[in-house]
């Protein structure tokens, strides 16, 4: 989770964020693929890499 978060947001996840994601994974409300999509679709990720995605035609 930490690596995915670091690569998506260019920062480490807080303990609160890690706990939130781990709880969702443990409950089965989110799987690893869903976590990746949730992070990538977040407003923070779009602000971080959105211009690259637009340039490459992803959006």
PDB file of N, CA and C in Angstrom:
ATOM      1  N   UNK A   1       0.813  -1.183   0.000  1.00  0.00           N
ATOM      2  CA  UNK A   1       0.000   0.000   0.000  1.00  0.00           C
ATOM      3  C   UNK A   1       0.862   1.254   0.000  1.00  0.00           C
ATOM      4  N   UNK A   2       1.918   1.220   0.788  1.00  0.00           N
ATOM      5  CA  UNK A   2       2.763   2.406   0.888  1.00  0.00           C
ATOM      6  C   UNK A   2       3.426   2.729  -0.456  1.00  0.00           C
ATOM      7  N   UNK A   3       3.899   1.709  -1.150  1.00  0.00           N
ATOM      8  CA  UNK A   3       4.546   1.922  -2.445  1.00  0.00           C
ATOM      9  C   UNK A   3       3.557   2.471  -3.465  1.00  0.00           C
ATOM     10  N   UNK A   4       2.374   1.899  -3.503  1.00  0.00           N
ATOM     11  CA  UNK A   4       1.344   2.384  -4.419  1.00  0.00           C
ATOM     12  C   UNK A   4       0.995   3.837  -4.117  1.00  0.00           C
ATOM     13  N   UNK A   5       0.861   4.150  -2.853  1.00  0.00           N
ATOM     14  CA  UNK A   5       0.544   5.516  -2.438  1.00  0.00           C
ATOM     15  C   UNK A   5       1.678   6.462  -2.808  1.00  0.00           C
ATOM     16  N   UNK A   6       2.904   6.056  -2.536  1.00  0.00           N
ATOM     17  CA  UNK A   6       4.071   6.887  -2.850  1.00  0.00           C
ATOM     18  C   UNK A   6       4.165   7.149  -4.361  1.00  0.00           C
ATOM     19  N   UNK A   7       3.960   6.119  -5.155  1.00  0.00           N
ATOM     20  CA  UNK A   7       4.050   6.268  -6.599  1.00  0.00           C
ATOM     21  C   UNK A   7       2.903   7.089  -7.182  1.00  0.00           C
ATOM     22  N   UNK A   8       1.750   7.051  -6.540  1.00  0.00           N
ATOM     23  CA  UNK A   8       0.592   7.794  -7.035  1.00  0.00           C
ATOM     24  C   UNK A   8       0.647   9.258  -6.637  1.00  0.00           C
ATOM     25  N   UNK A   9       0.975   9.514  -5.364  1.00  0.00           N
ATOM     26  CA  UNK A   9       0.892  10.879  -4.835  1.00  0.00           C
ATOM     27  C   UNK A   9       2.242  11.550  -4.620  1.00  0.00           C
ATOM     28  N   UNK A  10       3.314  10.792  -4.843  1.00  0.00           N
ATOM     29  CA  UNK A  10       4.664  11.311  -4.605  1.00  0.00           C
ATOM     30  C   UNK A  10       4.861  11.734  -3.149  1.00  0.00           C
ATOM     31  N   UNK A  11       4.214  10.981  -2.256  1.00  0.00           N
ATOM     32  CA  UNK A  11       4.363  11.201  -0.813  1.00  0.00           C
ATOM     33  C   UNK A  11       3.962   9.920  -0.097  1.00  0.00           C
ATOM     34  N   UNK A  12       4.435   9.784   1.119  1.00  0.00           N
ATOM     35  CA  UNK A  12       4.087   8.614   1.928  1.00  0.00           C
ATOM     36  C   UNK A  12       2.658   8.740   2.444  1.00  0.00           C
ATOM     37  N   UNK A  13       2.005   7.619   2.609  1.00  0.00           N
ATOM     38  CA  UNK A  13       0.669   7.597   3.207  1.00  0.00           C
ATOM     39  C   UNK A  13       0.788   7.809   4.710  1.00  0.00           C
ATOM     40  N   UNK A  14      -0.176   8.504   5.266  1.00  0.00           N
ATOM     41  CA  UNK A  14      -0.201   8.676   6.711  1.00  0.00           C
ATOM     42  C   UNK A  14      -0.672   7.373   7.355  1.00  0.00           C
ATOM     43  N   UNK A  15      -0.460   7.249   8.645  1.00  0.00           N
ATOM     44  CA  UNK A  15      -0.949   6.065   9.359  1.00  0.00           C
ATOM     45  C   UNK A  15      -2.467   5.973   9.255  1.00  0.00           C
ATOM     46  N   UNK A  16      -3.141   7.104   9.269  1.00  0.00           N
ATOM     47  CA  UNK A  16      -4.605   7.120   9.138  1.00  0.00           C
ATOM     48  C   UNK A  16      -5.028   6.586   7.767  1.00  0.00           C
ATOM     49  N   UNK A  17      -4.342   7.024   6.727  1.00  0.00           N
ATOM     50  CA  UNK A  17      -4.660   6.543   5.380  1.00  0.00           C
ATOM     51  C   UNK A  17      -4.396   5.053   5.250  1.00  0.00           C
ATOM     52  N   UNK A  18      -3.256   4.603   5.762  1.00  0.00           N
ATOM     53  CA  UNK A  18      -2.941   3.173   5.705  1.00  0.00           C
ATOM     54  C   UNK A  18      -3.977   2.356   6.455  1.00  0.00           C
ATOM     55  N   UNK A  19      -4.381   2.834   7.614  1.00  0.00           N
ATOM     56  CA  UNK A  19      -5.395   2.133   8.405  1.00  0.00           C
ATOM     57  C   UNK A  19      -6.719   2.046   7.673  1.00  0.00           C
ATOM     58  N   UNK A  20      -7.093   3.122   7.017  1.00  0.00           N
ATOM     59  CA  UNK A  20      -8.344   3.154   6.255  1.00  0.00           C
ATOM     60  C   UNK A  20      -8.307   2.125   5.127  1.00  0.00           C
ATOM     61  N   UNK A  21      -7.228   2.131   4.360  1.00  0.00           N
ATOM     62  CA  UNK A  21      -7.111   1.184   3.247  1.00  0.00           C
ATOM     63  C   UNK A  21      -7.057  -0.257   3.755  1.00  0.00           C
ATOM     64  N   UNK A  22      -6.300  -0.481   4.823  1.00  0.00           N
ATOM     65  CA  UNK A  22      -6.176  -1.841   5.353  1.00  0.00           C
ATOM     66  C   UNK A  22      -7.519  -2.354   5.848  1.00  0.00           C
ATOM     67  N   UNK A  23      -8.294  -1.494   6.481  1.00  0.00           N
ATOM     68  CA  UNK A  23      -9.619  -1.893   6.964  1.00  0.00           C
ATOM     69  C   UNK A  23     -10.521  -2.293   5.800  1.00  0.00           C
ATOM     70  N   UNK A  24     -10.502  -1.520   4.739  1.00  0.00           N
ATOM     71  CA  UNK A  24     -11.317  -1.850   3.563  1.00  0.00           C
ATOM     72  C   UNK A  24     -10.882  -3.177   2.942  1.00  0.00           C
ATOM     73  N   UNK A  25      -9.576  -3.400   2.879  1.00  0.00           N
ATOM     74  CA  UNK A  25      -9.070  -4.662   2.343  1.00  0.00           C
ATOM     75  C   UNK A  25      -9.461  -5.830   3.239  1.00  0.00           C
ATOM     76  N   UNK A  26      -9.334  -5.650   4.547  1.00  0.00           N
ATOM     77  CA  UNK A  26      -9.680  -6.719   5.498  1.00  0.00           C
ATOM     78  C   UNK A  26     -11.165  -7.069   5.455  1.00  0.00           C
ATOM     79  N   UNK A  27     -12.004  -6.063   5.273  1.00  0.00           N
ATOM     80  CA  UNK A  27     -13.453  -6.289   5.228  1.00  0.00           C
ATOM     81  C   UNK A  27     -13.917  -6.830   3.880  1.00  0.00           C
ATOM     82  N   UNK A  28     -13.053  -6.754   2.887  1.00  0.00           N
ATOM     83  CA  UNK A  28     -13.413  -7.230   1.564  1.00  0.00           C
ATOM     84  C   UNK A  28     -14.232  -6.226   0.768  1.00  0.00           C
ATOM     85  N   UNK A  29     -14.337  -5.006   1.257  1.00  0.00           N
ATOM     86  CA  UNK A  29     -15.075  -3.976   0.524  1.00  0.00           C
ATOM     87  C   UNK A  29     -14.236  -3.377  -0.588  1.00  0.00           C
ATOM     88  N   UNK A  30     -12.950  -3.721  -0.596  1.00  0.00           N
ATOM     89  CA  UNK A  30     -12.023  -3.218  -1.602  1.00  0.00           C
ATOM     90  C   UNK A  30     -10.945  -4.273  -1.802  1.00  0.00           C
ATOM     91  N   UNK A  31     -10.586  -4.528  -3.060  1.00  0.00           N
ATOM     92  CA  UNK A  31      -9.457  -5.423  -3.318  1.00  0.00           C
ATOM     93  C   UNK A  31      -8.275  -4.582  -3.799  1.00  0.00           C
ATOM     94  N   UNK A  32      -7.152  -5.221  -4.054  1.00  0.00           N
ATOM     95  CA  UNK A  32      -5.944  -4.477  -4.438  1.00  0.00           C
ATOM     96  C   UNK A  32      -6.139  -3.695  -5.733  1.00  0.00           C
ATOM     97  N   UNK A  33      -6.832  -4.284  -6.689  1.00  0.00           N
ATOM     98  CA  UNK A  33      -7.097  -3.569  -7.938  1.00  0.00           C
ATOM     99  C   UNK A  33      -7.986  -2.359  -7.686  1.00  0.00           C
ATOM    100  N   UNK A  34      -9.003  -2.544  -6.851  1.00  0.00           N
ATOM    101  CA  UNK A  34      -9.901  -1.444  -6.510  1.00  0.00           C
ATOM    102  C   UNK A  34      -9.174  -0.329  -5.787  1.00  0.00           C
ATOM    103  N   UNK A  35      -8.230  -0.696  -4.941  1.00  0.00           N
ATOM    104  CA  UNK A  35      -7.438   0.307  -4.236  1.00  0.00           C
ATOM    105  C   UNK A  35      -6.636   1.141  -5.235  1.00  0.00           C
ATOM    106  N   UNK A  36      -6.023   0.484  -6.195  1.00  0.00           N
ATOM    107  CA  UNK A  36      -5.247   1.204  -7.203  1.00  0.00           C
ATOM    108  C   UNK A  36      -6.134   2.170  -7.985  1.00  0.00           C
ATOM    109  N   UNK A  37      -7.325   1.721  -8.345  1.00  0.00           N
ATOM    110  CA  UNK A  37      -8.256   2.579  -9.091  1.00  0.00           C
ATOM    111  C   UNK A  37      -8.714   3.737  -8.213  1.00  0.00           C
ATOM    112  N   UNK A  38      -9.038   3.453  -6.947  1.00  0.00           N
ATOM    113  CA  UNK A  38      -9.489   4.504  -6.029  1.00  0.00           C
ATOM    114  C   UNK A  38      -8.416   5.585  -5.869  1.00  0.00           C
ATOM    115  N   UNK A  39      -7.184   5.166  -5.700  1.00  0.00           N
ATOM    116  CA  UNK A  39      -6.105   6.138  -5.555  1.00  0.00           C
ATOM    117  C   UNK A  39      -5.916   6.939  -6.847  1.00  0.00           C
ATOM    118  N   UNK A  40      -5.892   6.254  -7.979  1.00  0.00           N
ATOM    119  CA  UNK A  40      -5.653   6.923  -9.258  1.00  0.00           C
ATOM    120  C   UNK A  40      -6.771   7.892  -9.627  1.00  0.00           C
ATOM    121  N   UNK A  41      -7.989   7.601  -9.185  1.00  0.00           N
ATOM    122  CA  UNK A  41      -9.137   8.447  -9.526  1.00  0.00           C
ATOM    123  C   UNK A  41      -9.351   9.583  -8.535  1.00  0.00           C
ATOM    124  N   UNK A  42      -8.544   9.639  -7.501  1.00  0.00           N
ATOM    125  CA  UNK A  42      -8.730  10.670  -6.482  1.00  0.00           C
ATOM    126  C   UNK A  42      -8.341  12.048  -7.008  1.00  0.00           C
ATOM    127  N   UNK A  43      -8.908  13.065  -6.403  1.00  0.00           N
ATOM    128  CA  UNK A  43      -8.594  14.433  -6.829  1.00  0.00           C
ATOM    129  C   UNK A  43      -7.120  14.757  -6.606  1.00  0.00           C
ATOM    130  N   UNK A  44      -6.524  14.177  -5.561  1.00  0.00           N
ATOM    131  CA  UNK A  44      -5.098  14.414  -5.311  1.00  0.00           C
ATOM    132  C   UNK A  44      -4.239  13.827  -6.424  1.00  0.00           C
ATOM    133  N   UNK A  45      -4.576  12.622  -6.867  1.00  0.00           N
ATOM    134  CA  UNK A  45      -3.812  12.000  -7.949  1.00  0.00           C
ATOM    135  C   UNK A  45      -3.982  12.766  -9.244  1.00  0.00           C
ATOM    136  N   UNK A  46      -5.190  13.200  -9.522  1.00  0.00           N
ATOM    137  CA  UNK A  46      -5.433  13.957 -10.746  1.00  0.00           C
ATOM    138  C   UNK A  46      -4.647  15.262 -10.720  1.00  0.00           C
ATOM    139  N   UNK A  47      -4.589  15.905  -9.561  1.00  0.00           N
ATOM    140  CA  UNK A  47      -3.810  17.137  -9.443  1.00  0.00           C
ATOM    141  C   UNK A  47      -2.318  16.859  -9.595  1.00  0.00           C
ATOM    142  N   UNK A  48      -1.878  15.687  -9.132  1.00  0.00           N
ATOM    143  CA  UNK A  48      -0.461  15.335  -9.185  1.00  0.00           C
ATOM    144  C   UNK A  48      -0.024  14.917 -10.579  1.00  0.00           C
ATOM    145  N   UNK A  49      -0.811  14.072 -11.245  1.00  0.00           N
ATOM    146  CA  UNK A  49      -0.404  13.533 -12.546  1.00  0.00           C
ATOM    147  C   UNK A  49      -1.395  13.833 -13.657  1.00  0.00           C
ATOM    148  N   UNK A  50      -2.409  14.595 -13.377  1.00  0.00           N
ATOM    149  CA  UNK A  50      -3.460  14.849 -14.357  1.00  0.00           C
ATOM    150  C   UNK A  50      -2.969  15.447 -15.643  1.00  0.00           C
ATOM    151  N   UNK A  51      -2.018  16.353 -15.574  1.00  0.00           N
ATOM    152  CA  UNK A  51      -1.543  16.975 -16.800  1.00  0.00           C
ATOM    153  C   UNK A  51      -0.791  15.964 -17.661  1.00  0.00           C
ATOM    154  N   UNK A  52      -0.102  15.031 -17.045  1.00  0.00           N
ATOM    155  CA  UNK A  52       0.594  13.991 -17.799  1.00  0.00           C
ATOM    156  C   UNK A  52      -0.447  13.094 -18.475  1.00  0.00           C
ATOM    157  N   UNK A  53      -1.490  12.738 -17.748  1.00  0.00           N
ATOM    158  CA  UNK A  53      -2.529  11.886 -18.298  1.00  0.00           C
ATOM    159  C   UNK A  53      -3.229  12.568 -19.474  1.00  0.00           C
ATOM    160  N   UNK A  54      -3.497  13.847 -19.361  1.00  0.00           N
ATOM    161  CA  UNK A  54      -4.139  14.582 -20.441  1.00  0.00           C
ATOM    162  C   UNK A  54      -3.210  14.643 -21.657  1.00  0.00           C
ATOM    163  N   UNK A  55      -1.950  14.897 -21.421  1.00  0.00           N
ATOM    164  CA  UNK A  55      -0.980  15.007 -22.498  1.00  0.00           C
ATOM    165  C   UNK A  55      -0.869  13.684 -23.261  1.00  0.00           C
ATOM    166  N   UNK A  56      -0.897  12.588 -22.527  1.00  0.00           N
ATOM    167  CA  UNK A  56      -0.753  11.266 -23.146  1.00  0.00           C
ATOM    168  C   UNK A  56      -2.079  10.749 -23.700  1.00  0.00           C
ATOM    169  N   UNK A  57      -3.172  11.503 -23.524  1.00  0.00           N
ATOM    170  CA  UNK A  57      -4.462  11.088 -24.052  1.00  0.00           C
ATOM    171  C   UNK A  57      -5.225  10.114 -23.193  1.00  0.00           C
ATOM    172  N   UNK A  58      -4.913  10.038 -21.913  1.00  0.00           N
ATOM    173  CA  UNK A  58      -5.606   9.107 -21.015  1.00  0.00           C
ATOM    174  C   UNK A  58      -6.975   9.624 -20.613  1.00  0.00           C
ATOM    175  N   UNK A  59      -7.157  10.930 -20.608  1.00  0.00           N
ATOM    176  CA  UNK A  59      -8.438  11.499 -20.185  1.00  0.00           C
ATOM    177  C   UNK A  59      -9.214  11.992 -21.370  1.00  0.00           C
TER     178      UNK A  59
END
